[in-house]
């Protein structure tokens, strides 16, 4: 099996358009992550209670399970943030390369 080939086309975006699309995708993903973090914060506030009184009267095991769940989600979000940082660094590198090519 040979390497796949990208067909030539006249509607290919320019490098500038590609960079804009890349930056927009990073911004959209950051907004989605912010919404997830906010939802987790609201869930945590509901679990702990307005006056830190644990209104659902959870057991110690319930509290530990809840804590582990939040920690795992936050760890996953942290890895996603690192991926987005790498994506941004790549976009900046492309921008620098484009700028030096134009000089």
C-alpha atoms as a PDB file:
ATOM      1  CA  UNK A   1       0.000   0.000   0.000  1.00  0.00           C
ATOM      2  CA  UNK A   2       1.432   3.359  -1.031  1.00  0.00           C
ATOM      3  CA  UNK A   3       1.313   6.654   0.755  1.00  0.00           C
ATOM      4  CA  UNK A   4      -1.964   8.534   0.417  1.00  0.00           C
ATOM      5  CA  UNK A   5      -1.852  11.525  -1.873  1.00  0.00           C
ATOM      6  CA  UNK A   6      -3.692  14.764  -1.354  1.00  0.00           C
ATOM      7  CA  UNK A   7      -5.445  15.652  -4.582  1.00  0.00           C
ATOM      8  CA  UNK A   8      -4.547  18.970  -6.116  1.00  0.00           C
ATOM      9  CA  UNK A   9      -7.313  21.490  -5.838  1.00  0.00           C
ATOM     10  CA  UNK A  10      -7.950  25.105  -6.625  1.00  0.00           C
ATOM     11  CA  UNK A  11      -9.884  25.757  -3.412  1.00  0.00           C
ATOM     12  CA  UNK A  12      -7.064  25.044  -0.993  1.00  0.00           C
ATOM     13  CA  UNK A  13      -6.790  27.608   1.805  1.00  0.00           C
ATOM     14  CA  UNK A  14      -3.753  29.845   2.002  1.00  0.00           C
ATOM     15  CA  UNK A  15      -1.307  29.582   4.876  1.00  0.00           C
ATOM     16  CA  UNK A  16      -2.885  32.682   6.452  1.00  0.00           C
ATOM     17  CA  UNK A  17      -6.357  31.122   6.276  1.00  0.00           C
ATOM     18  CA  UNK A  18      -4.994  27.891   7.719  1.00  0.00           C
ATOM     19  CA  UNK A  19      -3.372  29.719  10.635  1.00  0.00           C
ATOM     20  CA  UNK A  20      -6.605  31.608  11.338  1.00  0.00           C
ATOM     21  CA  UNK A  21      -8.546  28.331  11.290  1.00  0.00           C
ATOM     22  CA  UNK A  22      -5.996  26.769  13.619  1.00  0.00           C
ATOM     23  CA  UNK A  23      -6.199  29.669  16.087  1.00  0.00           C
ATOM     24  CA  UNK A  24     -10.001  29.634  15.939  1.00  0.00           C
ATOM     25  CA  UNK A  25     -10.033  25.907  16.701  1.00  0.00           C
ATOM     26  CA  UNK A  26      -7.778  26.494  19.724  1.00  0.00           C
ATOM     27  CA  UNK A  27     -10.086  29.260  20.974  1.00  0.00           C
ATOM     28  CA  UNK A  28     -13.175  27.068  20.559  1.00  0.00           C
ATOM     29  CA  UNK A  29     -11.543  24.182  22.400  1.00  0.00           C
ATOM     30  CA  UNK A  30     -10.482  26.528  25.211  1.00  0.00           C
ATOM     31  CA  UNK A  31     -14.076  27.742  25.551  1.00  0.00           C
ATOM     32  CA  UNK A  32     -15.322  24.156  25.695  1.00  0.00           C
ATOM     33  CA  UNK A  33     -12.780  23.338  28.415  1.00  0.00           C
ATOM     34  CA  UNK A  34     -13.839  26.432  30.356  1.00  0.00           C
ATOM     35  CA  UNK A  35     -17.450  25.242  30.221  1.00  0.00           C
ATOM     36  CA  UNK A  36     -16.428  21.797  31.492  1.00  0.00           C
ATOM     37  CA  UNK A  37     -14.445  23.312  34.353  1.00  0.00           C
ATOM     38  CA  UNK A  38     -17.363  25.571  35.245  1.00  0.00           C
ATOM     39  CA  UNK A  39     -19.777  22.619  35.225  1.00  0.00           C
ATOM     40  CA  UNK A  40     -17.445  20.665  37.521  1.00  0.00           C
ATOM     41  CA  UNK A  41     -17.166  23.652  39.862  1.00  0.00           C
ATOM     42  CA  UNK A  42     -20.962  23.884  40.057  1.00  0.00           C
ATOM     43  CA  UNK A  43     -21.211  20.157  40.740  1.00  0.00           C
ATOM     44  CA  UNK A  44     -18.585  20.479  43.474  1.00  0.00           C
ATOM     45  CA  UNK A  45     -20.444  23.404  45.039  1.00  0.00           C
ATOM     46  CA  UNK A  46     -23.677  21.418  45.032  1.00  0.00           C
ATOM     47  CA  UNK A  47     -21.949  18.397  46.595  1.00  0.00           C
ATOM     48  CA  UNK A  48     -20.210  20.383  49.332  1.00  0.00           C
ATOM     49  CA  UNK A  49     -23.130  22.720  49.957  1.00  0.00           C
ATOM     50  CA  UNK A  50     -23.467  26.432  50.246  1.00  0.00           C
ATOM     51  CA  UNK A  51     -22.305  26.433  53.869  1.00  0.00           C
ATOM     52  CA  UNK A  52     -19.842  23.524  53.513  1.00  0.00           C
ATOM     53  CA  UNK A  53     -22.431  21.329  55.212  1.00  0.00           C
ATOM     54  CA  UNK A  54     -22.579  18.455  52.674  1.00  0.00           C
ATOM     55  CA  UNK A  55     -26.389  18.565  52.249  1.00  0.00           C
ATOM     56  CA  UNK A  56     -26.570  15.053  50.772  1.00  0.00           C
ATOM     57  CA  UNK A  57     -24.864  13.688  53.908  1.00  0.00           C
ATOM     58  CA  UNK A  58     -22.269  11.635  51.959  1.00  0.00           C
ATOM     59  CA  UNK A  59     -20.155   8.957  53.584  1.00  0.00           C
ATOM     60  CA  UNK A  60     -16.371   9.199  53.637  1.00  0.00           C
ATOM     61  CA  UNK A  61     -16.281   6.730  50.731  1.00  0.00           C
ATOM     62  CA  UNK A  62     -18.691   8.939  48.754  1.00  0.00           C
ATOM     63  CA  UNK A  63     -16.453  11.942  49.353  1.00  0.00           C
ATOM     64  CA  UNK A  64     -13.351  10.006  48.294  1.00  0.00           C
ATOM     65  CA  UNK A  65     -15.032   8.691  45.122  1.00  0.00           C
ATOM     66  CA  UNK A  66     -16.225  12.186  44.248  1.00  0.00           C
ATOM     67  CA  UNK A  67     -12.732  13.572  44.829  1.00  0.00           C
ATOM     68  CA  UNK A  68     -11.136  10.898  42.619  1.00  0.00           C
ATOM     69  CA  UNK A  69     -13.656  11.587  39.858  1.00  0.00           C
ATOM     70  CA  UNK A  70     -12.917  15.308  39.901  1.00  0.00           C
ATOM     71  CA  UNK A  71      -9.168  14.726  40.074  1.00  0.00           C
ATOM     72  CA  UNK A  72      -9.277  12.425  37.025  1.00  0.00           C
ATOM     73  CA  UNK A  73     -11.335  14.899  35.020  1.00  0.00           C
ATOM     74  CA  UNK A  74      -9.041  17.785  35.942  1.00  0.00           C
ATOM     75  CA  UNK A  75      -6.013  15.684  34.992  1.00  0.00           C
ATOM     76  CA  UNK A  76      -7.606  14.944  31.620  1.00  0.00           C
ATOM     77  CA  UNK A  77      -8.318  18.640  31.101  1.00  0.00           C
ATOM     78  CA  UNK A  78      -4.723  19.460  32.028  1.00  0.00           C
ATOM     79  CA  UNK A  79      -3.451  17.087  29.328  1.00  0.00           C
ATOM     80  CA  UNK A  80      -5.828  18.692  26.847  1.00  0.00           C
ATOM     81  CA  UNK A  81      -4.438  22.117  27.811  1.00  0.00           C
ATOM     82  CA  UNK A  82      -0.901  20.860  27.178  1.00  0.00           C
ATOM     83  CA  UNK A  83      -2.006  19.588  23.769  1.00  0.00           C
ATOM     84  CA  UNK A  84      -3.557  22.985  22.963  1.00  0.00           C
ATOM     85  CA  UNK A  85      -0.372  24.732  24.066  1.00  0.00           C
ATOM     86  CA  UNK A  86       1.601  22.545  21.663  1.00  0.00           C
ATOM     87  CA  UNK A  87      -0.905  23.355  18.918  1.00  0.00           C
ATOM     88  CA  UNK A  88      -0.469  27.085  19.605  1.00  0.00           C
ATOM     89  CA  UNK A  89       3.315  26.760  19.584  1.00  0.00           C
ATOM     90  CA  UNK A  90       3.087  25.026  16.211  1.00  0.00           C
ATOM     91  CA  UNK A  91       0.892  27.810  14.835  1.00  0.00           C
ATOM     92  CA  UNK A  92       3.381  30.422  16.077  1.00  0.00           C
ATOM     93  CA  UNK A  93       6.242  28.491  14.488  1.00  0.00           C
ATOM     94  CA  UNK A  94       4.370  28.450  11.172  1.00  0.00           C
ATOM     95  CA  UNK A  95       3.755  32.183  11.478  1.00  0.00           C
ATOM     96  CA  UNK A  96       7.439  32.837  12.172  1.00  0.00           C
ATOM     97  CA  UNK A  97       8.444  30.642   9.234  1.00  0.00           C
ATOM     98  CA  UNK A  98       6.029  32.492   6.968  1.00  0.00           C
ATOM     99  CA  UNK A  99       7.348  35.871   8.153  1.00  0.00           C
ATOM    100  CA  UNK A 100      10.985  34.903   7.546  1.00  0.00           C
ATOM    101  CA  UNK A 101      10.113  33.518   4.083  1.00  0.00           C
ATOM    102  CA  UNK A 102       8.530  36.840   3.088  1.00  0.00           C
ATOM    103  CA  UNK A 103      11.667  38.825   3.979  1.00  0.00           C
END
